[in-house]
Amino acid sequence: GNYSMRNAALIWAQCPDASAVAGFHD
């Protein structure tokens, strides 16, 4: 919903349980 297909795949590969993702300052 918030990230490109490539970045979503990278997030999922590193943390399959990720649900809400944001940067440090966000």
PDB file of all heavy atoms in Angstrom:
ATOM      1  N   GLY A   1       0.804  -1.206   0.000  1.00  0.00           N
ATOM      2  CA  GLY A   1       0.000   0.000   0.000  1.00  0.00           C
ATOM      3  C   GLY A   1       0.842   1.264   0.000  1.00  0.00           C
ATOM      4  O   GLY A   1       0.445   2.282  -0.537  1.00  0.00           O
ATOM      5  N   ASN A   2       2.029   1.210   0.587  1.00  0.00           N
ATOM      6  CA  ASN A   2       2.876   2.395   0.709  1.00  0.00           C
ATOM      7  C   ASN A   2       4.213   2.275  -0.014  1.00  0.00           C
ATOM      8  O   ASN A   2       4.920   3.269  -0.139  1.00  0.00           O
ATOM      9  CB  ASN A   2       3.143   2.686   2.178  1.00  0.00           C
ATOM     10  CG  ASN A   2       1.877   3.012   2.924  1.00  0.00           C
ATOM     11  OD1 ASN A   2       1.033   3.718   2.422  1.00  0.00           O
ATOM     12  ND2 ASN A   2       1.737   2.479   4.114  1.00  0.00           N
ATOM     13  N   TYR A   3       4.591   1.094  -0.421  1.00  0.00           N
ATOM     14  CA  TYR A   3       5.914   0.869  -0.999  1.00  0.00           C
ATOM     15  C   TYR A   3       5.817   0.192  -2.355  1.00  0.00           C
ATOM     16  O   TYR A   3       4.827  -0.475  -2.661  1.00  0.00           O
ATOM     17  CB  TYR A   3       6.771   0.014  -0.047  1.00  0.00           C
ATOM     18  CG  TYR A   3       7.106   0.753   1.216  1.00  0.00           C
ATOM     19  CD1 TYR A   3       6.310   0.637   2.346  1.00  0.00           C
ATOM     20  CD2 TYR A   3       8.198   1.602   1.281  1.00  0.00           C
ATOM     21  CE1 TYR A   3       6.597   1.340   3.503  1.00  0.00           C
ATOM     22  CE2 TYR A   3       8.499   2.315   2.423  1.00  0.00           C
ATOM     23  CZ  TYR A   3       7.692   2.185   3.528  1.00  0.00           C
ATOM     24  OH  TYR A   3       7.981   2.890   4.657  1.00  0.00           O
ATOM     25  N   SER A   4       6.869   0.335  -3.144  1.00  0.00           N
ATOM     26  CA  SER A   4       6.912  -0.311  -4.451  1.00  0.00           C
ATOM     27  C   SER A   4       6.971  -1.825  -4.265  1.00  0.00           C
ATOM     28  O   SER A   4       7.276  -2.327  -3.179  1.00  0.00           O
ATOM     29  CB  SER A   4       8.153   0.151  -5.218  1.00  0.00           C
ATOM     30  OG  SER A   4       9.327  -0.350  -4.584  1.00  0.00           O
ATOM     31  N   MET A   5       6.707  -2.551  -5.332  1.00  0.00           N
ATOM     32  CA  MET A   5       6.759  -4.008  -5.288  1.00  0.00           C
ATOM     33  C   MET A   5       8.147  -4.472  -4.845  1.00  0.00           C
ATOM     34  O   MET A   5       8.274  -5.367  -4.015  1.00  0.00           O
ATOM     35  CB  MET A   5       6.416  -4.583  -6.657  1.00  0.00           C
ATOM     36  CG  MET A   5       6.444  -6.096  -6.696  1.00  0.00           C
ATOM     37  SD  MET A   5       5.056  -6.804  -5.823  1.00  0.00           S
ATOM     38  CE  MET A   5       3.941  -7.012  -7.171  1.00  0.00           C
ATOM     39  N   ARG A   6       9.189  -3.848  -5.366  1.00  0.00           N
ATOM     40  CA  ARG A   6      10.562  -4.227  -5.016  1.00  0.00           C
ATOM     41  C   ARG A   6      10.830  -3.994  -3.529  1.00  0.00           C
ATOM     42  O   ARG A   6      11.354  -4.860  -2.847  1.00  0.00           O
ATOM     43  CB  ARG A   6      11.554  -3.434  -5.862  1.00  0.00           C
ATOM     44  CG  ARG A   6      12.991  -3.672  -5.472  1.00  0.00           C
ATOM     45  CD  ARG A   6      13.997  -2.836  -6.205  1.00  0.00           C
ATOM     46  NE  ARG A   6      13.411  -1.728  -6.944  1.00  0.00           N
ATOM     47  CZ  ARG A   6      13.983  -1.109  -7.932  1.00  0.00           C
ATOM     48  NH1 ARG A   6      15.167  -1.457  -8.346  1.00  0.00           N
ATOM     49  NH2 ARG A   6      13.394  -0.113  -8.545  1.00  0.00           N
ATOM     50  N   ASN A   7      10.460  -2.815  -3.020  1.00  0.00           N
ATOM     51  CA  ASN A   7      10.707  -2.521  -1.614  1.00  0.00           C
ATOM     52  C   ASN A   7       9.833  -3.373  -0.699  1.00  0.00           C
ATOM     53  O   ASN A   7      10.277  -3.793   0.371  1.00  0.00           O
ATOM     54  CB  ASN A   7      10.526  -1.034  -1.329  1.00  0.00           C
ATOM     55  CG  ASN A   7      11.728  -0.230  -1.758  1.00  0.00           C
ATOM     56  OD1 ASN A   7      12.838  -0.742  -1.850  1.00  0.00           O
ATOM     57  ND2 ASN A   7      11.514   1.041  -2.027  1.00  0.00           N
ATOM     58  N   ALA A   8       8.601  -3.648  -1.103  1.00  0.00           N
ATOM     59  CA  ALA A   8       7.746  -4.529  -0.307  1.00  0.00           C
ATOM     60  C   ALA A   8       8.364  -5.923  -0.213  1.00  0.00           C
ATOM     61  O   ALA A   8       8.353  -6.543   0.849  1.00  0.00           O
ATOM     62  CB  ALA A   8       6.348  -4.603  -0.910  1.00  0.00           C
ATOM     63  N   ALA A   9       8.925  -6.409  -1.314  1.00  0.00           N
ATOM     64  CA  ALA A   9       9.578  -7.720  -1.303  1.00  0.00           C
ATOM     65  C   ALA A   9      10.814  -7.698  -0.403  1.00  0.00           C
ATOM     66  O   ALA A   9      11.078  -8.657   0.328  1.00  0.00           O
ATOM     67  CB  ALA A   9       9.957  -8.134  -2.721  1.00  0.00           C
ATOM     68  N   LEU A  10      11.575  -6.601  -0.441  1.00  0.00           N
ATOM     69  CA  LEU A  10      12.742  -6.479   0.435  1.00  0.00           C
ATOM     70  C   LEU A  10      12.327  -6.468   1.902  1.00  0.00           C
ATOM     71  O   LEU A  10      12.944  -7.136   2.743  1.00  0.00           O
ATOM     72  CB  LEU A  10      13.524  -5.197   0.113  1.00  0.00           C
ATOM     73  CG  LEU A  10      14.349  -5.210  -1.165  1.00  0.00           C
ATOM     74  CD1 LEU A  10      14.863  -3.804  -1.474  1.00  0.00           C
ATOM     75  CD2 LEU A  10      15.505  -6.183  -1.042  1.00  0.00           C
ATOM     76  N   ILE A  11      11.280  -5.724   2.219  1.00  0.00           N
ATOM     77  CA  ILE A  11      10.782  -5.671   3.600  1.00  0.00           C
ATOM     78  C   ILE A  11      10.322  -7.048   4.040  1.00  0.00           C
ATOM     79  O   ILE A  11      10.664  -7.532   5.120  1.00  0.00           O
ATOM     80  CB  ILE A  11       9.649  -4.635   3.732  1.00  0.00           C
ATOM     81  CG1 ILE A  11      10.209  -3.223   3.547  1.00  0.00           C
ATOM     82  CG2 ILE A  11       8.942  -4.764   5.073  1.00  0.00           C
ATOM     83  CD1 ILE A  11       9.136  -2.162   3.340  1.00  0.00           C
ATOM     84  N   TRP A  12       9.549  -7.700   3.197  1.00  0.00           N
ATOM     85  CA  TRP A  12       8.990  -9.013   3.528  1.00  0.00           C
ATOM     86  C   TRP A  12      10.097 -10.043   3.708  1.00  0.00           C
ATOM     87  O   TRP A  12      10.021 -10.886   4.602  1.00  0.00           O
ATOM     88  CB  TRP A  12       8.022  -9.430   2.437  1.00  0.00           C
ATOM     89  CG  TRP A  12       7.208 -10.641   2.746  1.00  0.00           C
ATOM     90  CD1 TRP A  12       6.663 -10.990   3.946  1.00  0.00           C
ATOM     91  CD2 TRP A  12       6.824 -11.663   1.839  1.00  0.00           C
ATOM     92  NE1 TRP A  12       5.963 -12.158   3.833  1.00  0.00           N
ATOM     93  CE2 TRP A  12       6.045 -12.595   2.546  1.00  0.00           C
ATOM     94  CE3 TRP A  12       7.051 -11.866   0.482  1.00  0.00           C
ATOM     95  CZ2 TRP A  12       5.506 -13.725   1.945  1.00  0.00           C
ATOM     96  CZ3 TRP A  12       6.494 -12.995  -0.109  1.00  0.00           C
ATOM     97  CH2 TRP A  12       5.743 -13.906   0.611  1.00  0.00           C
ATOM     98  N   ALA A  13      11.135  -9.984   2.885  1.00  0.00           N
ATOM     99  CA  ALA A  13      12.242 -10.936   3.001  1.00  0.00           C
ATOM    100  C   ALA A  13      12.992 -10.758   4.316  1.00  0.00           C
ATOM    101  O   ALA A  13      13.495 -11.731   4.887  1.00  0.00           O
ATOM    102  CB  ALA A  13      13.207 -10.762   1.828  1.00  0.00           C
ATOM    103  N   GLN A  14      13.057  -9.528   4.817  1.00  0.00           N
ATOM    104  CA  GLN A  14      13.791  -9.260   6.050  1.00  0.00           C
ATOM    105  C   GLN A  14      12.930  -9.414   7.298  1.00  0.00           C
ATOM    106  O   GLN A  14      13.439  -9.689   8.380  1.00  0.00           O
ATOM    107  CB  GLN A  14      14.357  -7.838   6.015  1.00  0.00           C
ATOM    108  CG  GLN A  14      15.390  -7.645   4.918  1.00  0.00           C
ATOM    109  CD  GLN A  14      15.724  -6.187   4.737  1.00  0.00           C
ATOM    110  OE1 GLN A  14      16.477  -5.630   5.519  1.00  0.00           O
ATOM    111  NE2 GLN A  14      15.141  -5.565   3.720  1.00  0.00           N
ATOM    112  N   CYS A  15      11.621  -9.219   7.149  1.00  0.00           N
ATOM    113  CA  CYS A  15      10.703  -9.284   8.297  1.00  0.00           C
ATOM    114  C   CYS A  15       9.325  -9.702   7.792  1.00  0.00           C
ATOM    115  O   CYS A  15       8.471  -8.851   7.528  1.00  0.00           O
ATOM    116  CB  CYS A  15      10.648  -7.924   8.995  1.00  0.00           C
ATOM    117  SG  CYS A  15       9.610  -7.894  10.458  1.00  0.00           S
ATOM    118  N   PRO A  16       9.090 -11.013   7.643  1.00  0.00           N
ATOM    119  CA  PRO A  16       7.821 -11.481   7.077  1.00  0.00           C
ATOM    120  C   PRO A  16       6.586 -11.051   7.871  1.00  0.00           C
ATOM    121  O   PRO A  16       5.491 -11.010   7.331  1.00  0.00           O
ATOM    122  CB  PRO A  16       7.956 -13.006   7.088  1.00  0.00           C
ATOM    123  CG  PRO A  16       9.416 -13.268   7.176  1.00  0.00           C
ATOM    124  CD  PRO A  16      10.008 -12.114   7.907  1.00  0.00           C
ATOM    125  N   ASP A  17       6.751 -10.731   9.139  1.00  0.00           N
ATOM    126  CA  ASP A  17       5.617 -10.328   9.970  1.00  0.00           C
ATOM    127  C   ASP A  17       5.374  -8.822   9.966  1.00  0.00           C
ATOM    128  O   ASP A  17       4.549  -8.335  10.727  1.00  0.00           O
ATOM    129  CB  ASP A  17       5.830 -10.801  11.413  1.00  0.00           C
ATOM    130  CG  ASP A  17       5.900 -12.320  11.509  1.00  0.00           C
ATOM    131  OD1 ASP A  17       5.232 -12.992  10.698  1.00  0.00           O
ATOM    132  OD2 ASP A  17       6.622 -12.830  12.377  1.00  0.00           O
ATOM    133  N   ALA A  18       6.099  -8.073   9.141  1.00  0.00           N
ATOM    134  CA  ALA A  18       5.956  -6.619   9.110  1.00  0.00           C
ATOM    135  C   ALA A  18       4.520  -6.241   8.772  1.00  0.00           C
ATOM    136  O   ALA A  18       3.899  -6.839   7.901  1.00  0.00           O
ATOM    137  CB  ALA A  18       6.918  -6.012   8.100  1.00  0.00           C
ATOM    138  N   SER A  19       4.011  -5.232   9.485  1.00  0.00           N
ATOM    139  CA  SER A  19       2.640  -4.810   9.230  1.00  0.00           C
ATOM    140  C   SER A  19       2.540  -3.316   8.936  1.00  0.00           C
ATOM    141  O   SER A  19       1.815  -2.911   8.038  1.00  0.00           O
ATOM    142  CB  SER A  19       1.745  -5.166  10.418  1.00  0.00           C
ATOM    143  OG  SER A  19       2.228  -4.552  11.589  1.00  0.00           O
ATOM    144  N   ALA A  20       3.236  -2.502   9.691  1.00  0.00           N
ATOM    145  CA  ALA A  20       3.249  -1.054   9.466  1.00  0.00           C
ATOM    146  C   ALA A  20       4.710  -0.624   9.501  1.00  0.00           C
ATOM    147  O   ALA A  20       5.385  -0.786  10.503  1.00  0.00           O
ATOM    148  CB  ALA A  20       2.458  -0.338  10.542  1.00  0.00           C
ATOM    149  N   VAL A  21       5.196  -0.082   8.408  1.00  0.00           N
ATOM    150  CA  VAL A  21       6.613   0.231   8.260  1.00  0.00           C
ATOM    151  C   VAL A  21       6.778   1.719   7.975  1.00  0.00           C
ATOM    152  O   VAL A  21       6.021   2.289   7.196  1.00  0.00           O
ATOM    153  CB  VAL A  21       7.224  -0.596   7.107  1.00  0.00           C
ATOM    154  CG1 VAL A  21       8.691  -0.321   6.937  1.00  0.00           C
ATOM    155  CG2 VAL A  21       7.006  -2.089   7.356  1.00  0.00           C
ATOM    156  N   ALA A  22       7.777   2.332   8.641  1.00  0.00           N
ATOM    157  CA  ALA A  22       8.076   3.747   8.411  1.00  0.00           C
ATOM    158  C   ALA A  22       9.518   4.016   8.796  1.00  0.00           C
ATOM    159  O   ALA A  22      10.165   3.197   9.470  1.00  0.00           O
ATOM    160  CB  ALA A  22       7.137   4.632   9.229  1.00  0.00           C
ATOM    161  N   GLY A  23      10.016   5.162   8.396  1.00  0.00           N
ATOM    162  CA  GLY A  23      11.366   5.567   8.737  1.00  0.00           C
ATOM    163  C   GLY A  23      11.456   6.042  10.188  1.00  0.00           C
ATOM    164  O   GLY A  23      10.451   6.291  10.859  1.00  0.00           O
ATOM    165  N   PHE A  24      12.692   6.192  10.664  1.00  0.00           N
ATOM    166  CA  PHE A  24      12.955   6.588  12.042  1.00  0.00           C
ATOM    167  C   PHE A  24      12.237   7.879  12.405  1.00  0.00           C
ATOM    168  O   PHE A  24      11.531   7.955  13.415  1.00  0.00           O
ATOM    169  CB  PHE A  24      14.474   6.748  12.229  1.00  0.00           C
ATOM    170  CG  PHE A  24      14.883   7.066  13.629  1.00  0.00           C
ATOM    171  CD1 PHE A  24      15.089   6.052  14.544  1.00  0.00           C
ATOM    172  CD2 PHE A  24      15.056   8.379  14.031  1.00  0.00           C
ATOM    173  CE1 PHE A  24      15.461   6.340  15.845  1.00  0.00           C
ATOM    174  CE2 PHE A  24      15.438   8.676  15.332  1.00  0.00           C
ATOM    175  CZ  PHE A  24      15.647   7.655  16.234  1.00  0.00           C
ATOM    176  N   HIS A  25      12.388   8.906  11.592  1.00  0.00           N
ATOM    177  CA  HIS A  25      11.790  10.208  11.894  1.00  0.00           C
ATOM    178  C   HIS A  25      10.270  10.185  11.743  1.00  0.00           C
ATOM    179  O   HIS A  25       9.565  10.894  12.471  1.00  0.00           O
ATOM    180  CB  HIS A  25      12.415  11.297  11.031  1.00  0.00           C
ATOM    181  CG  HIS A  25      13.867  11.498  11.329  1.00  0.00           C
ATOM    182  ND1 HIS A  25      14.325  12.036  12.504  1.00  0.00           N
ATOM    183  CD2 HIS A  25      14.987  11.192  10.616  1.00  0.00           C
ATOM    184  CE1 HIS A  25      15.646  12.069  12.505  1.00  0.00           C
ATOM    185  NE2 HIS A  25      16.066  11.547  11.358  1.00  0.00           N
ATOM    186  N   ASP A  26       9.767   9.375  10.811  1.00  0.00           N
ATOM    187  CA  ASP A  26       8.313   9.254  10.661  1.00  0.00           C
ATOM    188  C   ASP A  26       7.695   8.638  11.912  1.00  0.00           C
ATOM    189  O   ASP A  26       6.604   9.028  12.327  1.00  0.00           O
ATOM    190  CB  ASP A  26       7.958   8.430   9.427  1.00  0.00           C
ATOM    191  CG  ASP A  26       8.298   9.148   8.140  1.00  0.00           C
ATOM    192  OD1 ASP A  26       8.276  10.394   8.133  1.00  0.00           O
ATOM    193  OD2 ASP A  26       8.594   8.470   7.136  1.00  0.00           O
TER     194      ASP A  26
END
